[in-house]
Amino acid sequence: MSLLDSLAITDSALTAERLEMDVIANNVANANTTRTPEGGPYKAETVFLLPGGVQENVAGGLANAGVRVSAVVQDNRPPRLVYDPSNPEANSKGYVAYPNVDPVTETVNMMAAQRAYQANITIADDVKSMAMHALDLGHI
């Protein structure tokens, strides 16, 4: 595996983790959105990742290297019902349907995505450093 292959793998992970952080941020931003253009409360979304983000399929075995986003899926759990008869969004029984966004789960998911992103940045920096040292060896 070459240094460029390592960077391609890291790039695929950075792209996937960035999308995951964007989706998590969108979930948190819409945690209190009771009405969407589609009707009803906002539905949390989840990113699903699969191996194989690097497109090269060579004898070195990069067929499943890297990571790619397979889907961004809406969570079909029922909305959270809160009794608030004074709210204009309340149903006939006085309950307001709030999004199925769990702030604790979103926080943990964001921390995991950030750590993965940071780890991949560290790898990219290390690969860059190795490449620079390899160039320095050529000048000796």
Protein backbone atom coordinates (compact mmCIF):
# COMPACT_ATOMS: atom_id res chain seq x y z
CA MET A 1 0.00 0.00 0.00
CA SER A 2 1.42 3.36 -0.99
CA LEU A 3 1.24 6.62 0.90
CA LEU A 4 -1.32 7.87 -1.62
CA ASP A 5 -3.52 4.82 -0.93
CA SER A 6 -3.35 5.68 2.77
CA LEU A 7 -4.43 9.24 2.01
CA ALA A 8 -7.30 8.02 -0.17
CA ILE A 9 -8.55 5.77 2.64
CA THR A 10 -8.27 8.59 5.17
CA ASP A 11 -10.03 10.97 2.77
CA SER A 12 -12.98 8.60 2.44
CA ALA A 13 -13.28 8.42 6.23
CA LEU A 14 -13.05 12.20 6.62
CA THR A 15 -15.79 12.71 4.05
CA ALA A 16 -18.06 10.14 5.70
CA GLU A 17 -17.49 11.47 9.23
CA ARG A 18 -18.10 15.04 8.09
CA LEU A 19 -21.48 14.03 6.66
CA GLU A 20 -22.29 12.17 9.87
CA MET A 21 -21.48 15.26 11.95
CA ASP A 22 -23.65 17.39 9.64
CA VAL A 23 -26.59 14.99 10.05
CA ILE A 24 -26.17 14.93 13.83
CA ALA A 25 -26.03 18.74 13.94
CA ASN A 26 -29.21 18.87 11.85
CA ASN A 27 -30.93 16.48 14.27
CA VAL A 28 -29.97 18.64 17.26
CA ALA A 29 -31.01 21.84 15.47
CA ASN A 30 -34.44 20.38 14.76
CA ALA A 31 -35.00 18.77 18.16
CA ASN A 32 -38.00 21.04 18.79
CA THR A 33 -39.37 21.33 15.24
CA THR A 34 -43.01 20.27 15.51
CA ARG A 35 -44.04 21.03 11.93
CA THR A 36 -42.16 20.22 8.74
CA PRO A 37 -43.15 20.83 5.11
CA GLU A 38 -43.96 17.10 4.87
CA GLY A 39 -46.28 17.42 7.87
CA GLY A 40 -45.75 16.32 11.44
CA PRO A 41 -42.66 16.69 13.57
CA TYR A 42 -39.09 16.40 12.34
CA LYS A 43 -37.76 12.82 12.19
CA ALA A 44 -34.21 12.14 13.31
CA GLU A 45 -31.81 10.84 10.68
CA THR A 46 -29.02 8.29 10.92
CA VAL A 47 -26.01 7.78 8.65
CA PHE A 48 -25.08 4.22 7.69
CA LEU A 49 -21.51 3.51 6.62
CA LEU A 50 -20.09 0.59 4.64
CA PRO A 51 -16.53 -0.44 3.85
CA GLY A 52 -15.20 0.26 0.39
CA GLY A 53 -14.89 4.01 0.02
CA VAL A 54 -11.73 3.77 -2.07
CA GLN A 55 -12.54 3.01 -5.69
CA GLU A 56 -9.32 1.21 -6.63
CA ASN A 57 -9.59 -2.56 -6.80
CA VAL A 58 -6.02 -3.69 -7.23
CA ALA A 59 -4.04 -6.78 -6.37
CA GLY A 60 -2.89 -5.05 -3.16
CA GLY A 61 -6.35 -5.53 -1.72
CA LEU A 62 -7.96 -2.08 -1.69
CA ALA A 63 -11.38 -3.41 -2.70
CA ASN A 64 -12.81 -2.90 0.81
CA ALA A 65 -10.48 -0.13 1.91
CA GLY A 66 -11.90 3.08 3.21
CA VAL A 67 -15.50 3.80 4.02
CA ARG A 68 -18.53 5.14 2.19
CA VAL A 69 -21.97 6.35 3.12
CA SER A 70 -24.54 3.74 2.16
CA ALA A 71 -27.62 5.71 3.25
CA VAL A 72 -29.04 8.48 5.38
CA VAL A 73 -32.23 7.06 6.85
CA GLN A 74 -35.06 8.65 8.82
CA ASP A 75 -35.77 7.17 12.22
CA ASN A 76 -39.33 5.79 12.26
CA ARG A 77 -39.73 5.72 16.03
CA PRO A 78 -42.90 7.52 17.16
CA PRO A 79 -42.65 11.18 18.13
CA ARG A 80 -42.34 12.28 21.75
CA LEU A 81 -45.75 13.46 23.02
CA VAL A 82 -45.84 16.38 25.46
CA TYR A 83 -49.05 17.59 27.11
CA ASP A 84 -49.44 21.29 26.26
CA PRO A 85 -53.06 22.15 25.37
CA SER A 86 -52.19 25.85 24.92
CA ASN A 87 -49.80 25.07 22.05
CA PRO A 88 -51.35 25.64 18.60
CA GLU A 89 -49.75 22.36 17.45
CA ALA A 90 -51.60 20.37 20.13
CA ASN A 91 -53.92 17.57 19.01
CA SER A 92 -57.51 17.16 20.24
CA LYS A 93 -56.25 15.59 23.49
CA GLY A 94 -53.83 18.46 24.17
CA TYR A 95 -50.62 16.64 23.21
CA VAL A 96 -47.92 18.12 20.98
CA ALA A 97 -45.82 15.73 18.88
CA TYR A 98 -42.12 16.58 19.20
CA PRO A 99 -39.31 15.03 17.17
CA ASN A 100 -37.89 11.65 18.14
CA VAL A 101 -34.46 13.22 18.68
CA ASP A 102 -32.66 12.01 21.82
CA PRO A 103 -30.13 14.68 22.86
CA VAL A 104 -27.99 12.21 24.84
CA THR A 105 -27.71 9.80 21.90
CA GLU A 106 -26.91 12.66 19.52
CA THR A 107 -24.21 13.96 21.89
CA VAL A 108 -22.56 10.54 22.13
CA ASN A 109 -22.77 10.08 18.35
CA MET A 110 -21.23 13.52 17.80
CA MET A 111 -18.37 12.74 20.19
CA ALA A 112 -17.67 9.45 18.38
CA ALA A 113 -17.77 11.12 14.97
CA GLN A 114 -15.46 13.92 16.15
CA ARG A 115 -12.97 11.43 17.57
CA ALA A 116 -12.98 9.43 14.35
CA TYR A 117 -12.50 12.62 12.36
CA GLN A 118 -9.60 13.70 14.60
CA ALA A 119 -7.98 10.26 14.31
CA ASN A 120 -8.12 10.44 10.53
CA ILE A 121 -6.63 13.94 10.53
CA THR A 122 -3.78 12.58 12.64
CA ILE A 123 -3.24 9.76 10.15
CA ALA A 124 -3.21 12.20 7.23
CA ASP A 125 -0.66 14.36 9.06
CA ASP A 126 1.51 11.30 9.75
CA VAL A 127 1.36 10.22 6.10
CA LYS A 128 2.33 13.73 5.03
CA SER A 129 5.23 13.68 7.49
CA MET A 130 6.42 10.29 6.16
CA ALA A 131 6.26 11.61 2.60
CA MET A 132 8.31 14.68 3.58
CA HIS A 133 10.92 12.49 5.30
CA ALA A 134 11.10 10.26 2.24
CA LEU A 135 11.77 13.35 0.09
CA ASP A 136 14.47 14.47 2.53
CA LEU A 137 16.18 11.08 2.21
CA GLY A 138 16.45 11.65 -1.53
CA HIS A 139 18.57 14.79 -0.94
CA ILE A 140 21.23 13.09 1.13
